[in-house]
Protein backbone atom coordinates (compact mmCIF):
# COMPACT_ATOMS: atom_id res chain seq x y z
CA MET A 1 112.70 15.64 106.59
CA GLU A 2 113.32 17.65 109.61
CA ARG A 3 116.85 18.27 108.45
CA LEU A 4 115.64 19.41 105.03
CA PHE A 5 113.24 21.81 106.67
CA LYS A 6 116.06 23.30 108.81
CA ASN A 7 118.30 23.70 105.75
CA ILE A 8 115.57 25.47 103.79
CA LEU A 9 114.81 27.68 106.78
CA GLY A 10 118.51 28.48 107.24
CA LEU A 11 118.93 29.22 103.53
CA GLY A 12 115.89 31.50 103.57
CA LEU A 13 117.28 33.31 106.61
CA ILE A 14 120.62 33.87 104.91
CA ILE A 15 118.99 35.17 101.72
CA GLY A 16 116.78 37.50 103.81
CA LEU A 17 119.82 38.89 105.65
CA ILE A 18 121.63 39.48 102.37
CA PHE A 19 118.70 41.48 101.03
CA LEU A 20 118.39 43.39 104.31
CA PHE A 21 122.05 44.42 104.39
CA SER A 22 122.11 45.35 100.73
CA ALA A 23 119.01 47.55 101.19
CA CYS A 24 120.55 49.29 104.21
CA ALA A 25 123.76 49.91 102.34
CA LYS A 26 121.87 51.63 99.52
CA LYS A 27 120.00 53.90 101.92
CA GLY A 28 123.17 55.10 103.58
CA VAL A 29 124.87 56.10 100.34
CA GLU A 30 123.62 59.24 98.70
CA GLN A 31 123.65 59.23 95.00
CA VAL A 32 125.23 62.37 93.61
CA GLU A 33 124.39 63.43 90.13
CA GLU A 34 127.22 64.66 88.06
CA VAL A 35 127.23 68.43 88.05
CA THR A 36 128.02 70.08 84.80
CA PRO A 37 129.33 73.62 84.79
CA PRO A 38 126.85 76.21 83.56
CA ALA A 39 127.13 77.27 79.99
CA GLU A 40 128.81 80.58 79.48
CA GLU A 41 126.25 83.35 79.45
CA GLU A 42 125.96 85.45 76.40
CA VAL A 43 127.24 88.93 77.08
CA ILE A 44 125.27 91.65 75.37
CA THR A 45 127.38 94.63 74.57
CA PRO A 46 125.95 98.02 73.75
CA PRO A 47 126.08 98.97 70.10
CA GLU A 48 129.08 100.83 68.92
CA LYS A 49 128.80 104.54 68.41
CA GLY A 50 127.37 105.37 65.07
CA ILE A 51 125.19 102.23 65.02
CA GLU A 52 121.68 102.95 66.25
CA ALA A 53 118.60 100.87 66.76
CA PRO A 54 115.91 103.06 65.20
CA GLY A 55 113.12 104.13 67.54
CA VAL A 56 114.10 101.98 70.53
CA GLU A 57 115.58 104.76 72.64
CA GLU A 58 112.60 107.02 72.01
CA GLU A 59 110.20 104.22 73.04
CA VAL A 60 112.08 103.61 76.29
CA VAL A 61 112.06 107.32 77.12
CA GLU A 62 108.33 107.54 76.36
CA VAL A 63 107.56 104.55 78.60
CA LEU A 64 109.61 106.00 81.44
CA GLU A 65 107.94 109.37 81.06
CA GLU A 66 104.48 107.74 81.13
CA LYS A 67 105.22 105.87 84.36
CA THR A 68 106.51 108.82 86.37
CA PRO A 69 103.88 111.55 86.66
CA THR A 70 104.89 114.83 88.21
CA ILE A 71 103.75 115.73 91.71
CA GLU A 72 101.42 118.31 90.18
CA GLU A 73 99.76 115.61 88.06
CA GLU A 74 99.45 113.33 91.06
CA ILE A 75 97.81 116.12 93.07
CA LEU A 76 95.37 116.85 90.24
CA ALA A 77 94.43 113.16 90.10
CA PHE A 78 94.02 113.10 93.89
CA GLU A 79 91.71 116.12 93.79
CA ALA A 80 89.73 114.93 90.77
CA GLU A 81 88.32 111.86 92.53
CA ASN A 82 85.34 112.67 94.76
CA ILE A 83 83.49 110.18 96.89
CA HIS A 84 79.71 110.13 96.70
CA PHE A 85 76.95 109.46 99.21
CA ASP A 86 73.37 108.26 99.11
CA TYR A 87 70.54 110.67 99.85
CA ASP A 88 70.54 111.85 103.47
CA LYS A 89 73.47 109.50 104.33
CA PHE A 90 77.08 109.93 105.38
CA ASN A 91 78.22 106.29 105.51
CA LEU A 92 80.96 105.23 103.10
CA LYS A 93 80.11 102.93 100.21
CA PRO A 94 82.62 100.24 99.11
CA GLU A 95 83.79 102.29 96.11
CA ALA A 96 84.36 105.28 98.42
CA LYS A 97 86.53 103.10 100.68
CA ARG A 98 88.61 101.97 97.68
CA ASN A 99 89.00 105.60 96.60
CA LEU A 100 90.07 106.59 100.12
CA ALA A 101 92.59 103.72 100.23
CA ASP A 102 94.19 105.16 97.07
CA LYS A 103 94.23 108.61 98.64
CA ALA A 104 95.83 107.20 101.81
CA ARG A 105 98.62 105.58 99.74
CA PHE A 106 99.25 108.92 98.04
CA LEU A 107 99.31 110.81 101.35
CA LYS A 108 101.70 108.26 102.87
CA SER A 109 104.08 108.71 99.95
CA HIS A 110 103.93 112.54 100.28
CA PRO A 111 104.19 113.42 103.98
CA GLU A 112 104.77 117.08 103.12
CA LEU A 113 101.16 117.49 102.00
CA LYS A 114 97.92 118.06 103.89
CA ALA A 115 94.41 117.42 102.64
CA ARG A 116 91.23 119.40 103.11
CA ILE A 117 88.04 117.37 102.86
CA GLU A 118 84.97 119.34 101.81
CA GLY A 119 81.53 117.96 102.62
CA HIS A 120 78.76 118.78 100.10
CA CYS A 121 75.03 118.11 99.86
CA ASP A 122 72.29 118.46 97.31
CA GLU A 123 69.82 121.35 97.53
CA ARG A 124 67.14 119.45 99.42
CA GLY A 125 66.92 120.19 103.14
CA THR A 126 67.51 123.39 105.09
CA LYS A 127 70.84 125.20 104.95
CA GLU A 128 71.56 124.30 108.58
CA TYR A 129 70.72 120.63 108.04
CA ASN A 130 72.86 120.44 104.88
CA LEU A 131 75.81 122.11 106.61
CA ALA A 132 75.62 119.52 109.40
CA LEU A 133 75.23 116.64 106.92
CA GLY A 134 78.15 117.93 104.83
CA GLN A 135 80.29 118.02 107.97
CA ARG A 136 79.36 114.42 108.82
CA ARG A 137 80.27 113.35 105.28
CA ALA A 138 83.66 115.05 105.45
CA LYS A 139 84.24 113.61 108.92
CA SER A 140 83.45 110.04 107.80
CA ALA A 141 86.07 110.38 105.04
CA GLN A 142 88.57 111.85 107.52
CA ASP A 143 87.92 109.04 110.01
CA TYR A 144 88.51 106.39 107.35
CA LEU A 145 91.80 108.01 106.28
CA MET A 146 92.90 108.06 109.93
CA PHE A 147 91.90 104.38 110.19
CA LEU A 148 94.22 103.75 107.20
CA GLY A 149 97.12 105.37 109.07
CA ILE A 150 97.05 109.03 108.06
CA ASN A 151 97.92 111.40 110.88
CA PRO A 152 94.84 113.50 111.77
CA ILE A 153 96.86 116.72 111.81
CA ARG A 154 97.34 116.27 108.05
CA ILE A 155 93.59 116.15 107.31
CA TYR A 156 91.01 118.80 108.10
CA THR A 157 87.38 119.14 107.16
CA ILE A 158 84.94 121.84 106.13
CA SER A 159 81.29 121.71 105.13
CA TYR A 160 79.79 123.74 102.31
CA GLY A 161 76.39 122.11 102.57
CA GLU A 162 74.44 122.91 99.40
CA GLU A 163 76.37 126.09 98.55
CA MET A 164 78.83 124.70 95.94
CA PRO A 165 77.02 122.25 93.63
CA ILE A 166 78.88 120.58 90.79
CA ASP A 167 75.68 120.43 88.78
CA PRO A 168 73.09 123.20 89.36
CA ALA A 169 70.22 121.21 87.79
CA HIS A 170 67.24 120.17 89.90
CA ASN A 171 67.05 116.42 89.25
CA GLU A 172 68.29 113.17 90.73
CA GLU A 173 71.34 112.97 88.43
CA ALA A 174 72.54 116.41 89.52
CA TRP A 175 71.73 115.73 93.17
CA SER A 176 73.72 112.47 93.17
CA LEU A 177 76.77 114.34 91.84
CA ASN A 178 76.39 117.05 94.48
CA ARG A 179 76.24 114.61 97.43
CA ARG A 180 79.98 114.26 97.80
CA ALA A 181 83.20 114.75 99.68
CA HIS A 182 85.79 116.65 97.67
CA PHE A 183 89.53 116.69 98.41
CA ASP A 184 91.97 119.57 98.04
CA MET A 185 95.70 119.33 98.71
CA THR A 186 97.62 121.92 100.65
CA GLU A 187 101.28 122.05 101.63
CA LYS A 188 102.34 122.04 105.27
């Protein structure tokens, strides 16, 4: 009985070693998949002269023209976007910060240009107070542009207070339009 037990144990040990060595052999060998050469790519040749694809060339030209505005158009767009302020405030609202970020990108791409920031107020308050408030509004816009990496020598400020309203009406709608910082571009 003891002999039978030793034989079974020895046989089990041999079978275990066989499995162990066969598993190690498989780990050491990398299986390489057969690589097939890529299919030949289709070569597209331009159409021969005299054969035209109707309307395609015009569409491509129109798309290219739409995507590349002139510097004059870019400047007009830059100047058209004012930032607005709450009554008796000069802190920047989130939409003003987004607008200024766009203006900073434009200024970075056109280092030959300078910007003038005009501070404006509504008609409420004294002239002196509105001039000071307009200056603080222009300065807050200037400071944010400098924070975004624009050299301060490229940006200067002026305050017009209540003197140049967009809307001359005497109501909240007009006043909210007049509480603004306006941007003008100048060349160096």
